[in-house]
């Protein structure tokens, strides 16, 4: 892979986040603690609040970062998530990280209409991957929140990624609307939505984005596939930055396949909230959690542009 990658983001943001606070929901896991400690050592953040079993966390917290960490005792996954969100709402931290809690409890706290981090619009999940087989970052959405987005929701899901891609320096963002076929079919709403979004893009209604489709996955990411199907006149085909999937199952499966079969370095965020929200699997390594944090810092940089 050439161009921007996670190593470049690390070089850019190391020691640049001393005034940013991290809040970890559920710190009762060595990889979670290691990720928070690494973020502090690298200067990606300057302080951290960690919820969970405070006595366990205190015993496992590295001595060199202990003074930068505030522990908040919480018993259940739901309580861990709710206390973490409350910390962010109070302005004590600017970035929440999913620790050793289940996604349901974490997202329920995030999306709560009374005590969550909603900012008026819909929330969406994006996973960004760096793979040797692709020349730049490749992102998939929505792989974690909206089960089967309708046209209006797809439009907002695309726009939710704007600060992220601005922060990554991608302009314009090439969006492939993925479907099972490149032919428009009355039976497949994904194909009709792809045409509608493509037309809106051409009309300037999605500033900063070039949307095209419908494209099968192969056409979206392979220029040779696009040429073989005579779709190489598209500036998106084979060169997508963002894959917009028709269902959560499709996006989730593809994003996980990158990690397990494509040896990809990945990071995942929830976008559209008051702050960028880190959303990792409980099985993710400290390195992947740091990747997500780097993406969140890119979002914050993109919000100021």
C-alpha atoms as a PDB file:
ATOM      1  CA  UNK A   1       0.000   0.000   0.000  1.00  0.00           C
ATOM      2  CA  UNK A   2       1.244   3.477  -0.852  1.00  0.00           C
ATOM      3  CA  UNK A   3       0.207   6.853   0.453  1.00  0.00           C
ATOM      4  CA  UNK A   4      -1.461   7.451   3.781  1.00  0.00           C
ATOM      5  CA  UNK A   5      -1.703   4.559   6.209  1.00  0.00           C
ATOM      6  CA  UNK A   6      -1.832   4.010   9.955  1.00  0.00           C
ATOM      7  CA  UNK A   7       1.931   4.526  10.278  1.00  0.00           C
ATOM      8  CA  UNK A   8       1.580   7.931   8.645  1.00  0.00           C
ATOM      9  CA  UNK A   9      -1.289   8.797  10.981  1.00  0.00           C
ATOM     10  CA  UNK A  10       0.839   7.778  13.951  1.00  0.00           C
ATOM     11  CA  UNK A  11       3.656  10.031  12.796  1.00  0.00           C
ATOM     12  CA  UNK A  12       1.175  12.860  12.389  1.00  0.00           C
ATOM     13  CA  UNK A  13      -0.677  12.559  15.701  1.00  0.00           C
ATOM     14  CA  UNK A  14       1.986  11.304  18.131  1.00  0.00           C
ATOM     15  CA  UNK A  15       2.457  13.892  20.900  1.00  0.00           C
ATOM     16  CA  UNK A  16      -0.315  16.015  19.362  1.00  0.00           C
ATOM     17  CA  UNK A  17      -3.147  14.938  21.672  1.00  0.00           C
ATOM     18  CA  UNK A  18      -1.903  16.015  25.084  1.00  0.00           C
ATOM     19  CA  UNK A  19      -5.031  18.119  25.634  1.00  0.00           C
ATOM     20  CA  UNK A  20      -7.434  15.330  24.604  1.00  0.00           C
ATOM     21  CA  UNK A  21      -9.048  12.962  27.095  1.00  0.00           C
ATOM     22  CA  UNK A  22      -9.900   9.321  26.432  1.00  0.00           C
ATOM     23  CA  UNK A  23     -12.679   7.484  28.261  1.00  0.00           C
ATOM     24  CA  UNK A  24     -12.619   3.676  28.247  1.00  0.00           C
ATOM     25  CA  UNK A  25     -15.851   1.765  28.831  1.00  0.00           C
ATOM     26  CA  UNK A  26     -14.835  -1.431  30.615  1.00  0.00           C
ATOM     27  CA  UNK A  27     -11.140  -1.621  31.409  1.00  0.00           C
ATOM     28  CA  UNK A  28     -11.094  -5.159  32.806  1.00  0.00           C
ATOM     29  CA  UNK A  29      -8.924  -6.624  30.065  1.00  0.00           C
ATOM     30  CA  UNK A  30      -5.150  -6.568  29.493  1.00  0.00           C
ATOM     31  CA  UNK A  31      -5.432  -5.531  25.818  1.00  0.00           C
ATOM     32  CA  UNK A  32      -7.726  -2.646  26.746  1.00  0.00           C
ATOM     33  CA  UNK A  33      -5.369  -1.453  29.471  1.00  0.00           C
ATOM     34  CA  UNK A  34      -2.410  -1.795  27.111  1.00  0.00           C
ATOM     35  CA  UNK A  35      -4.190   0.276  24.466  1.00  0.00           C
ATOM     36  CA  UNK A  36      -4.991   3.071  26.917  1.00  0.00           C
ATOM     37  CA  UNK A  37      -1.429   3.005  28.262  1.00  0.00           C
ATOM     38  CA  UNK A  38       0.043   3.094  24.753  1.00  0.00           C
ATOM     39  CA  UNK A  39      -2.197   6.030  23.815  1.00  0.00           C
ATOM     40  CA  UNK A  40      -0.900   7.959  26.816  1.00  0.00           C
ATOM     41  CA  UNK A  41       2.748   7.066  26.216  1.00  0.00           C
ATOM     42  CA  UNK A  42       2.504   8.080  22.562  1.00  0.00           C
ATOM     43  CA  UNK A  43       0.873  11.393  23.391  1.00  0.00           C
ATOM     44  CA  UNK A  44      -2.213  10.574  21.338  1.00  0.00           C
ATOM     45  CA  UNK A  45      -4.183  11.588  24.447  1.00  0.00           C
ATOM     46  CA  UNK A  46      -3.103  13.321  27.623  1.00  0.00           C
ATOM     47  CA  UNK A  47      -5.363  11.680  30.160  1.00  0.00           C
ATOM     48  CA  UNK A  48      -7.775   8.764  30.466  1.00  0.00           C
ATOM     49  CA  UNK A  49     -10.832   7.842  32.485  1.00  0.00           C
ATOM     50  CA  UNK A  50     -11.430   4.095  32.747  1.00  0.00           C
ATOM     51  CA  UNK A  51     -14.649   2.506  34.007  1.00  0.00           C
ATOM     52  CA  UNK A  52     -14.936  -1.013  35.389  1.00  0.00           C
ATOM     53  CA  UNK A  53     -13.590  -2.969  38.353  1.00  0.00           C
ATOM     54  CA  UNK A  54     -11.365  -0.236  39.748  1.00  0.00           C
ATOM     55  CA  UNK A  55      -9.364  -2.526  42.035  1.00  0.00           C
ATOM     56  CA  UNK A  56      -8.561  -4.948  39.175  1.00  0.00           C
ATOM     57  CA  UNK A  57      -7.647  -2.130  36.818  1.00  0.00           C
ATOM     58  CA  UNK A  58      -5.422  -0.471  39.433  1.00  0.00           C
ATOM     59  CA  UNK A  59      -3.485  -3.715  39.901  1.00  0.00           C
ATOM     60  CA  UNK A  60      -2.898  -4.124  36.150  1.00  0.00           C
ATOM     61  CA  UNK A  61      -2.330  -0.494  35.186  1.00  0.00           C
ATOM     62  CA  UNK A  62       1.295   0.220  34.205  1.00  0.00           C
ATOM     63  CA  UNK A  63       3.005   2.374  36.802  1.00  0.00           C
ATOM     64  CA  UNK A  64       4.374   4.869  34.269  1.00  0.00           C
ATOM     65  CA  UNK A  65       0.896   6.063  33.221  1.00  0.00           C
ATOM     66  CA  UNK A  66      -1.021   5.588  36.477  1.00  0.00           C
ATOM     67  CA  UNK A  67      -1.015   9.296  37.361  1.00  0.00           C
ATOM     68  CA  UNK A  68      -2.732  10.109  34.059  1.00  0.00           C
ATOM     69  CA  UNK A  69      -5.607   7.678  34.644  1.00  0.00           C
ATOM     70  CA  UNK A  70      -8.781   8.258  36.652  1.00  0.00           C
ATOM     71  CA  UNK A  71     -10.662   5.079  37.613  1.00  0.00           C
ATOM     72  CA  UNK A  72     -14.465   4.979  37.924  1.00  0.00           C
ATOM     73  CA  UNK A  73     -15.875   1.858  39.558  1.00  0.00           C
ATOM     74  CA  UNK A  74     -18.645   0.101  37.606  1.00  0.00           C
ATOM     75  CA  UNK A  75     -19.989  -3.435  37.935  1.00  0.00           C
ATOM     76  CA  UNK A  76     -21.978  -4.370  34.832  1.00  0.00           C
ATOM     77  CA  UNK A  77     -21.239  -3.772  31.135  1.00  0.00           C
ATOM     78  CA  UNK A  78     -24.205  -1.412  30.967  1.00  0.00           C
ATOM     79  CA  UNK A  79     -22.942   0.591  33.927  1.00  0.00           C
ATOM     80  CA  UNK A  80     -19.439   0.736  32.431  1.00  0.00           C
ATOM     81  CA  UNK A  81     -20.834   2.112  29.170  1.00  0.00           C
ATOM     82  CA  UNK A  82     -23.238   4.565  30.802  1.00  0.00           C
ATOM     83  CA  UNK A  83     -20.557   5.991  33.092  1.00  0.00           C
ATOM     84  CA  UNK A  84     -18.161   6.351  30.159  1.00  0.00           C
ATOM     85  CA  UNK A  85     -20.753   8.243  28.123  1.00  0.00           C
ATOM     86  CA  UNK A  86     -21.520  10.461  31.129  1.00  0.00           C
ATOM     87  CA  UNK A  87     -17.822  11.351  31.353  1.00  0.00           C
ATOM     88  CA  UNK A  88     -17.839  12.457  27.706  1.00  0.00           C
ATOM     89  CA  UNK A  89     -21.104  14.382  28.103  1.00  0.00           C
ATOM     90  CA  UNK A  90     -19.586  16.219  31.064  1.00  0.00           C
ATOM     91  CA  UNK A  91     -16.605  17.279  28.960  1.00  0.00           C
ATOM     92  CA  UNK A  92     -14.069  15.287  30.980  1.00  0.00           C
ATOM     93  CA  UNK A  93     -13.011  13.370  27.862  1.00  0.00           C
ATOM     94  CA  UNK A  94     -13.389  13.911  24.142  1.00  0.00           C
ATOM     95  CA  UNK A  95     -13.165  10.363  22.807  1.00  0.00           C
ATOM     96  CA  UNK A  96     -14.946   7.253  24.140  1.00  0.00           C
ATOM     97  CA  UNK A  97     -13.361   3.833  23.582  1.00  0.00           C
ATOM     98  CA  UNK A  98     -15.177   0.511  23.768  1.00  0.00           C
ATOM     99  CA  UNK A  99     -13.292  -1.702  26.181  1.00  0.00           C
ATOM    100  CA  UNK A 100     -14.282  -5.087  27.562  1.00  0.00           C
ATOM    101  CA  UNK A 101     -18.039  -4.586  27.207  1.00  0.00           C
ATOM    102  CA  UNK A 102     -20.454  -6.040  24.693  1.00  0.00           C
ATOM    103  CA  UNK A 103     -21.402  -3.923  21.697  1.00  0.00           C
ATOM    104  CA  UNK A 104     -25.097  -3.914  22.607  1.00  0.00           C
ATOM    105  CA  UNK A 105     -24.510  -2.308  26.016  1.00  0.00           C
ATOM    106  CA  UNK A 106     -22.003   0.148  24.585  1.00  0.00           C
ATOM    107  CA  UNK A 107     -24.130   1.253  21.652  1.00  0.00           C
ATOM    108  CA  UNK A 108     -27.264   1.467  23.784  1.00  0.00           C
ATOM    109  CA  UNK A 109     -25.502   4.025  25.968  1.00  0.00           C
ATOM    110  CA  UNK A 110     -24.168   5.907  22.939  1.00  0.00           C
ATOM    111  CA  UNK A 111     -27.514   6.162  21.125  1.00  0.00           C
ATOM    112  CA  UNK A 112     -29.679   6.936  24.166  1.00  0.00           C
ATOM    113  CA  UNK A 113     -31.887   9.888  23.274  1.00  0.00           C
ATOM    114  CA  UNK A 114     -31.746  11.246  26.821  1.00  0.00           C
ATOM    115  CA  UNK A 115     -28.236  10.494  28.092  1.00  0.00           C
ATOM    116  CA  UNK A 116     -26.310   9.472  24.973  1.00  0.00           C
ATOM    117  CA  UNK A 117     -24.120  11.183  22.417  1.00  0.00           C
ATOM    118  CA  UNK A 118     -26.593  11.739  19.597  1.00  0.00           C
ATOM    119  CA  UNK A 119     -26.245  14.998  17.718  1.00  0.00           C
ATOM    120  CA  UNK A 120     -29.546  15.145  15.864  1.00  0.00           C
ATOM    121  CA  UNK A 121     -28.888  12.923  12.839  1.00  0.00           C
ATOM    122  CA  UNK A 122     -28.472   9.198  12.505  1.00  0.00           C
ATOM    123  CA  UNK A 123     -25.374   7.413  13.744  1.00  0.00           C
ATOM    124  CA  UNK A 124     -23.424   5.021  11.548  1.00  0.00           C
ATOM    125  CA  UNK A 125     -20.453   2.697  11.801  1.00  0.00           C
ATOM    126  CA  UNK A 126     -17.436   2.677   9.504  1.00  0.00           C
ATOM    127  CA  UNK A 127     -14.421   0.374   9.389  1.00  0.00           C
ATOM    128  CA  UNK A 128     -11.255   1.602   7.698  1.00  0.00           C
ATOM    129  CA  UNK A 129      -8.705  -0.930   6.460  1.00  0.00           C
ATOM    130  CA  UNK A 130      -5.105  -0.799   5.308  1.00  0.00           C
ATOM    131  CA  UNK A 131      -4.251  -3.803   3.121  1.00  0.00           C
ATOM    132  CA  UNK A 132      -1.211  -4.722   1.052  1.00  0.00           C
ATOM    133  CA  UNK A 133      -3.581  -5.633  -1.791  1.00  0.00           C
ATOM    134  CA  UNK A 134      -5.096  -2.127  -2.050  1.00  0.00           C
ATOM    135  CA  UNK A 135      -3.198   1.103  -2.745  1.00  0.00           C
ATOM    136  CA  UNK A 136      -4.915   3.262  -0.122  1.00  0.00           C
ATOM    137  CA  UNK A 137      -7.270   3.159   2.834  1.00  0.00           C
ATOM    138  CA  UNK A 138     -10.529   1.351   2.059  1.00  0.00           C
ATOM    139  CA  UNK A 139     -13.608   1.909   4.207  1.00  0.00           C
ATOM    140  CA  UNK A 140     -16.877  -0.003   4.620  1.00  0.00           C
ATOM    141  CA  UNK A 141     -20.162   1.304   5.969  1.00  0.00           C
ATOM    142  CA  UNK A 142     -22.586   0.724   7.691  1.00  0.00           C
ATOM    143  CA  UNK A 143     -21.334  -2.388   9.409  1.00  0.00           C
ATOM    144  CA  UNK A 144     -22.653  -1.884  12.913  1.00  0.00           C
ATOM    145  CA  UNK A 145     -25.707   0.309  13.447  1.00  0.00           C
ATOM    146  CA  UNK A 146     -28.290   0.723  10.648  1.00  0.00           C
ATOM    147  CA  UNK A 147     -29.574  -2.754   9.647  1.00  0.00           C
ATOM    148  CA  UNK A 148     -30.998  -1.999   6.195  1.00  0.00           C
ATOM    149  CA  UNK A 149     -30.602   1.703   5.405  1.00  0.00           C
ATOM    150  CA  UNK A 150     -33.148   3.371   3.161  1.00  0.00           C
ATOM    151  CA  UNK A 151     -32.174   5.989   0.601  1.00  0.00           C
ATOM    152  CA  UNK A 152     -32.332   8.964   2.979  1.00  0.00           C
ATOM    153  CA  UNK A 153     -30.302   7.054   5.552  1.00  0.00           C
ATOM    154  CA  UNK A 154     -27.686   6.074   2.974  1.00  0.00           C
ATOM    155  CA  UNK A 155     -27.288   9.722   2.077  1.00  0.00           C
ATOM    156  CA  UNK A 156     -26.668  10.614   5.728  1.00  0.00           C
ATOM    157  CA  UNK A 157     -24.323   7.645   6.219  1.00  0.00           C
ATOM    158  CA  UNK A 158     -22.176   8.964   3.371  1.00  0.00           C
ATOM    159  CA  UNK A 159     -22.182  12.504   4.769  1.00  0.00           C
ATOM    160  CA  UNK A 160     -21.291  11.217   8.253  1.00  0.00           C
ATOM    161  CA  UNK A 161     -17.890  10.207   6.878  1.00  0.00           C
ATOM    162  CA  UNK A 162     -17.027  13.713   5.638  1.00  0.00           C
ATOM    163  CA  UNK A 163     -14.953  14.803   8.681  1.00  0.00           C
ATOM    164  CA  UNK A 164     -13.065  11.499   8.644  1.00  0.00           C
ATOM    165  CA  UNK A 165     -12.038  11.770   5.008  1.00  0.00           C
ATOM    166  CA  UNK A 166     -11.215  15.475   5.353  1.00  0.00           C
ATOM    167  CA  UNK A 167      -8.951  14.534   8.228  1.00  0.00           C
ATOM    168  CA  UNK A 168      -7.364  11.822   6.093  1.00  0.00           C
ATOM    169  CA  UNK A 169      -6.809  14.278   3.250  1.00  0.00           C
ATOM    170  CA  UNK A 170      -9.070  12.474   0.764  1.00  0.00           C
ATOM    171  CA  UNK A 171     -10.825  14.809  -1.685  1.00  0.00           C
ATOM    172  CA  UNK A 172     -13.034  13.955  -3.390  1.00  0.00           C
ATOM    173  CA  UNK A 173     -14.149  10.769  -1.667  1.00  0.00           C
ATOM    174  CA  UNK A 174     -14.936   8.040  -4.188  1.00  0.00           C
ATOM    175  CA  UNK A 175     -17.975   6.102  -2.980  1.00  0.00           C
ATOM    176  CA  UNK A 176     -19.014   2.812  -4.549  1.00  0.00           C
ATOM    177  CA  UNK A 177     -22.648   1.907  -3.919  1.00  0.00           C
ATOM    178  CA  UNK A 178     -22.338  -1.871  -3.656  1.00  0.00           C
ATOM    179  CA  UNK A 179     -25.001  -4.271  -4.898  1.00  0.00           C
ATOM    180  CA  UNK A 180     -25.222  -7.832  -6.180  1.00  0.00           C
ATOM    181  CA  UNK A 181     -25.261  -6.675  -9.797  1.00  0.00           C
ATOM    182  CA  UNK A 182     -24.408  -3.679 -11.938  1.00  0.00           C
ATOM    183  CA  UNK A 183     -27.809  -3.833 -13.610  1.00  0.00           C
ATOM    184  CA  UNK A 184     -30.726  -1.894 -12.183  1.00  0.00           C
ATOM    185  CA  UNK A 185     -33.428  -4.229 -10.952  1.00  0.00           C
ATOM    186  CA  UNK A 186     -36.868  -3.527  -9.541  1.00  0.00           C
ATOM    187  CA  UNK A 187     -36.309  -6.476  -7.212  1.00  0.00           C
ATOM    188  CA  UNK A 188     -33.100  -5.034  -5.743  1.00  0.00           C
ATOM    189  CA  UNK A 189     -33.564  -1.704  -3.992  1.00  0.00           C
ATOM    190  CA  UNK A 190     -29.787  -1.356  -3.616  1.00  0.00           C
ATOM    191  CA  UNK A 191     -29.454  -0.911  -7.379  1.00  0.00           C
ATOM    192  CA  UNK A 192     -32.143   1.771  -7.512  1.00  0.00           C
ATOM    193  CA  UNK A 193     -30.674   3.617  -4.536  1.00  0.00           C
ATOM    194  CA  UNK A 194     -27.240   3.505  -6.167  1.00  0.00           C
ATOM    195  CA  UNK A 195     -28.576   5.245  -9.264  1.00  0.00           C
ATOM    196  CA  UNK A 196     -30.339   7.879  -7.155  1.00  0.00           C
ATOM    197  CA  UNK A 197     -27.221   8.619  -5.105  1.00  0.00           C
ATOM    198  CA  UNK A 198     -25.068   8.745  -8.230  1.00  0.00           C
ATOM    199  CA  UNK A 199     -27.406  11.315  -9.755  1.00  0.00           C
ATOM    200  CA  UNK A 200     -27.377  13.390  -6.567  1.00  0.00           C
ATOM    201  CA  UNK A 201     -23.587  13.287  -6.586  1.00  0.00           C
ATOM    202  CA  UNK A 202     -23.435  14.524 -10.176  1.00  0.00           C
ATOM    203  CA  UNK A 203     -25.882  17.303  -9.280  1.00  0.00           C
ATOM    204  CA  UNK A 204     -23.597  18.503  -6.483  1.00  0.00           C
ATOM    205  CA  UNK A 205     -25.924  17.472  -3.662  1.00  0.00           C
ATOM    206  CA  UNK A 206     -23.214  15.423  -1.938  1.00  0.00           C
ATOM    207  CA  UNK A 207     -20.324  17.914  -1.844  1.00  0.00           C
ATOM    208  CA  UNK A 208     -16.932  16.320  -1.451  1.00  0.00           C
ATOM    209  CA  UNK A 209     -18.150  12.927  -2.665  1.00  0.00           C
ATOM    210  CA  UNK A 210     -18.271  11.203  -6.030  1.00  0.00           C
ATOM    211  CA  UNK A 211     -20.807   8.381  -5.821  1.00  0.00           C
ATOM    212  CA  UNK A 212     -21.245   5.749  -8.500  1.00  0.00           C
ATOM    213  CA  UNK A 213     -22.919   2.383  -8.856  1.00  0.00           C
ATOM    214  CA  UNK A 214     -24.478  -0.033  -8.581  1.00  0.00           C
ATOM    215  CA  UNK A 215     -21.242  -2.009  -8.487  1.00  0.00           C
ATOM    216  CA  UNK A 216     -20.466  -5.517  -7.397  1.00  0.00           C
ATOM    217  CA  UNK A 217     -17.664  -5.742  -4.859  1.00  0.00           C
ATOM    218  CA  UNK A 218     -15.224  -6.802  -7.566  1.00  0.00           C
ATOM    219  CA  UNK A 219     -15.907  -3.756  -9.718  1.00  0.00           C
ATOM    220  CA  UNK A 220     -15.702  -1.433  -6.719  1.00  0.00           C
ATOM    221  CA  UNK A 221     -12.168  -2.482  -5.754  1.00  0.00           C
ATOM    222  CA  UNK A 222     -10.590  -3.944  -8.909  1.00  0.00           C
ATOM    223  CA  UNK A 223      -9.775  -1.839 -11.951  1.00  0.00           C
ATOM    224  CA  UNK A 224      -9.293  -4.976 -14.033  1.00  0.00           C
ATOM    225  CA  UNK A 225     -12.784  -6.159 -13.078  1.00  0.00           C
ATOM    226  CA  UNK A 226     -14.153  -2.758 -14.040  1.00  0.00           C
ATOM    227  CA  UNK A 227     -12.383  -2.946 -17.409  1.00  0.00           C
ATOM    228  CA  UNK A 228     -13.638  -6.464 -18.079  1.00  0.00           C
ATOM    229  CA  UNK A 229     -17.208  -5.325 -17.436  1.00  0.00           C
ATOM    230  CA  UNK A 230     -16.684  -2.167 -19.511  1.00  0.00           C
ATOM    231  CA  UNK A 231     -17.230   0.087 -16.503  1.00  0.00           C
ATOM    232  CA  UNK A 232     -13.782   1.661 -16.486  1.00  0.00           C
ATOM    233  CA  UNK A 233     -15.174   5.018 -17.598  1.00  0.00           C
ATOM    234  CA  UNK A 234     -16.256   5.475 -13.986  1.00  0.00           C
ATOM    235  CA  UNK A 235     -13.793   7.385 -11.805  1.00  0.00           C
ATOM    236  CA  UNK A 236     -14.960   5.291  -8.830  1.00  0.00           C
ATOM    237  CA  UNK A 237     -14.870   1.754 -10.248  1.00  0.00           C
ATOM    238  CA  UNK A 238     -11.784  -0.076  -9.043  1.00  0.00           C
ATOM    239  CA  UNK A 239     -10.637   2.940  -7.037  1.00  0.00           C
ATOM    240  CA  UNK A 240     -13.204   3.338  -4.262  1.00  0.00           C
ATOM    241  CA  UNK A 241     -12.358   5.002  -0.955  1.00  0.00           C
ATOM    242  CA  UNK A 242     -15.670   4.057   0.651  1.00  0.00           C
ATOM    243  CA  UNK A 243     -17.937   1.079   0.049  1.00  0.00           C
ATOM    244  CA  UNK A 244     -21.586   1.773   0.833  1.00  0.00           C
ATOM    245  CA  UNK A 245     -23.308  -1.551   1.494  1.00  0.00           C
ATOM    246  CA  UNK A 246     -27.047  -2.238   1.294  1.00  0.00           C
ATOM    247  CA  UNK A 247     -27.239  -4.150   4.595  1.00  0.00           C
ATOM    248  CA  UNK A 248     -25.424  -4.361   7.895  1.00  0.00           C
ATOM    249  CA  UNK A 249     -24.756  -8.076   7.327  1.00  0.00           C
ATOM    250  CA  UNK A 250     -22.950  -7.487   4.045  1.00  0.00           C
ATOM    251  CA  UNK A 251     -20.833  -4.639   5.403  1.00  0.00           C
ATOM    252  CA  UNK A 252     -20.017  -6.496   8.611  1.00  0.00           C
ATOM    253  CA  UNK A 253     -18.979  -9.678   6.822  1.00  0.00           C
ATOM    254  CA  UNK A 254     -16.747  -7.864   4.350  1.00  0.00           C
ATOM    255  CA  UNK A 255     -15.086  -5.724   7.029  1.00  0.00           C
ATOM    256  CA  UNK A 256     -14.331  -8.798   9.125  1.00  0.00           C
ATOM    257  CA  UNK A 257     -13.034 -10.676   6.086  1.00  0.00           C
ATOM    258  CA  UNK A 258     -10.481  -7.914   5.544  1.00  0.00           C
ATOM    259  CA  UNK A 259      -9.173  -8.498   9.047  1.00  0.00           C
ATOM    260  CA  UNK A 260      -9.159 -12.294   9.056  1.00  0.00           C
ATOM    261  CA  UNK A 261      -8.440 -13.109   5.405  1.00  0.00           C
ATOM    262  CA  UNK A 262      -6.839  -9.951   4.079  1.00  0.00           C
ATOM    263  CA  UNK A 263      -4.383  -9.494   6.954  1.00  0.00           C
ATOM    264  CA  UNK A 264      -5.647  -5.937   7.144  1.00  0.00           C
ATOM    265  CA  UNK A 265      -4.880  -3.367   9.779  1.00  0.00           C
ATOM    266  CA  UNK A 266      -8.276  -1.952  10.713  1.00  0.00           C
ATOM    267  CA  UNK A 267      -9.997   0.565  12.931  1.00  0.00           C
ATOM    268  CA  UNK A 268     -13.704   1.190  13.502  1.00  0.00           C
ATOM    269  CA  UNK A 269     -15.675   4.264  14.504  1.00  0.00           C
ATOM    270  CA  UNK A 270     -19.230   5.375  15.103  1.00  0.00           C
ATOM    271  CA  UNK A 271     -19.821   8.635  13.242  1.00  0.00           C
ATOM    272  CA  UNK A 272     -22.572  11.233  13.457  1.00  0.00           C
ATOM    273  CA  UNK A 273     -22.398  11.599  17.243  1.00  0.00           C
ATOM    274  CA  UNK A 274     -21.163  14.618  19.195  1.00  0.00           C
ATOM    275  CA  UNK A 275     -17.700  13.065  19.172  1.00  0.00           C
ATOM    276  CA  UNK A 276     -16.072  10.243  17.196  1.00  0.00           C
ATOM    277  CA  UNK A 277     -16.770   6.983  19.033  1.00  0.00           C
ATOM    278  CA  UNK A 278     -14.305   4.072  19.007  1.00  0.00           C
ATOM    279  CA  UNK A 279     -16.034   0.757  18.277  1.00  0.00           C
ATOM    280  CA  UNK A 280     -13.803  -2.296  18.443  1.00  0.00           C
ATOM    281  CA  UNK A 281     -14.405  -5.986  18.915  1.00  0.00           C
ATOM    282  CA  UNK A 282     -13.653  -7.261  22.416  1.00  0.00           C
ATOM    283  CA  UNK A 283     -11.129  -9.591  20.762  1.00  0.00           C
ATOM    284  CA  UNK A 284      -9.233  -6.753  19.080  1.00  0.00           C
ATOM    285  CA  UNK A 285      -5.600  -6.209  19.942  1.00  0.00           C
ATOM    286  CA  UNK A 286      -4.242  -3.053  21.530  1.00  0.00           C
ATOM    287  CA  UNK A 287      -2.825  -2.130  18.105  1.00  0.00           C
ATOM    288  CA  UNK A 288      -6.261  -2.186  16.452  1.00  0.00           C
ATOM    289  CA  UNK A 289      -7.676  -0.060  19.255  1.00  0.00           C
ATOM    290  CA  UNK A 290      -4.887   2.436  18.633  1.00  0.00           C
ATOM    291  CA  UNK A 291      -5.788   2.390  14.924  1.00  0.00           C
ATOM    292  CA  UNK A 292      -9.340   3.399  15.818  1.00  0.00           C
ATOM    293  CA  UNK A 293      -8.022   6.166  18.038  1.00  0.00           C
ATOM    294  CA  UNK A 294      -5.882   7.477  15.172  1.00  0.00           C
ATOM    295  CA  UNK A 295      -8.990   7.587  12.986  1.00  0.00           C
ATOM    296  CA  UNK A 296     -10.876   9.462  15.710  1.00  0.00           C
ATOM    297  CA  UNK A 297      -8.074  12.013  15.835  1.00  0.00           C
ATOM    298  CA  UNK A 298      -8.359  12.349  12.048  1.00  0.00           C
ATOM    299  CA  UNK A 299     -12.084  13.053  12.478  1.00  0.00           C
ATOM    300  CA  UNK A 300     -11.319  15.771  15.000  1.00  0.00           C
ATOM    301  CA  UNK A 301      -8.777  17.268  12.603  1.00  0.00           C
ATOM    302  CA  UNK A 302     -11.340  17.106   9.793  1.00  0.00           C
ATOM    303  CA  UNK A 303     -13.960  18.887  11.879  1.00  0.00           C
ATOM    304  CA  UNK A 304     -11.724  21.946  12.122  1.00  0.00           C
ATOM    305  CA  UNK A 305     -11.150  22.231   8.362  1.00  0.00           C
END
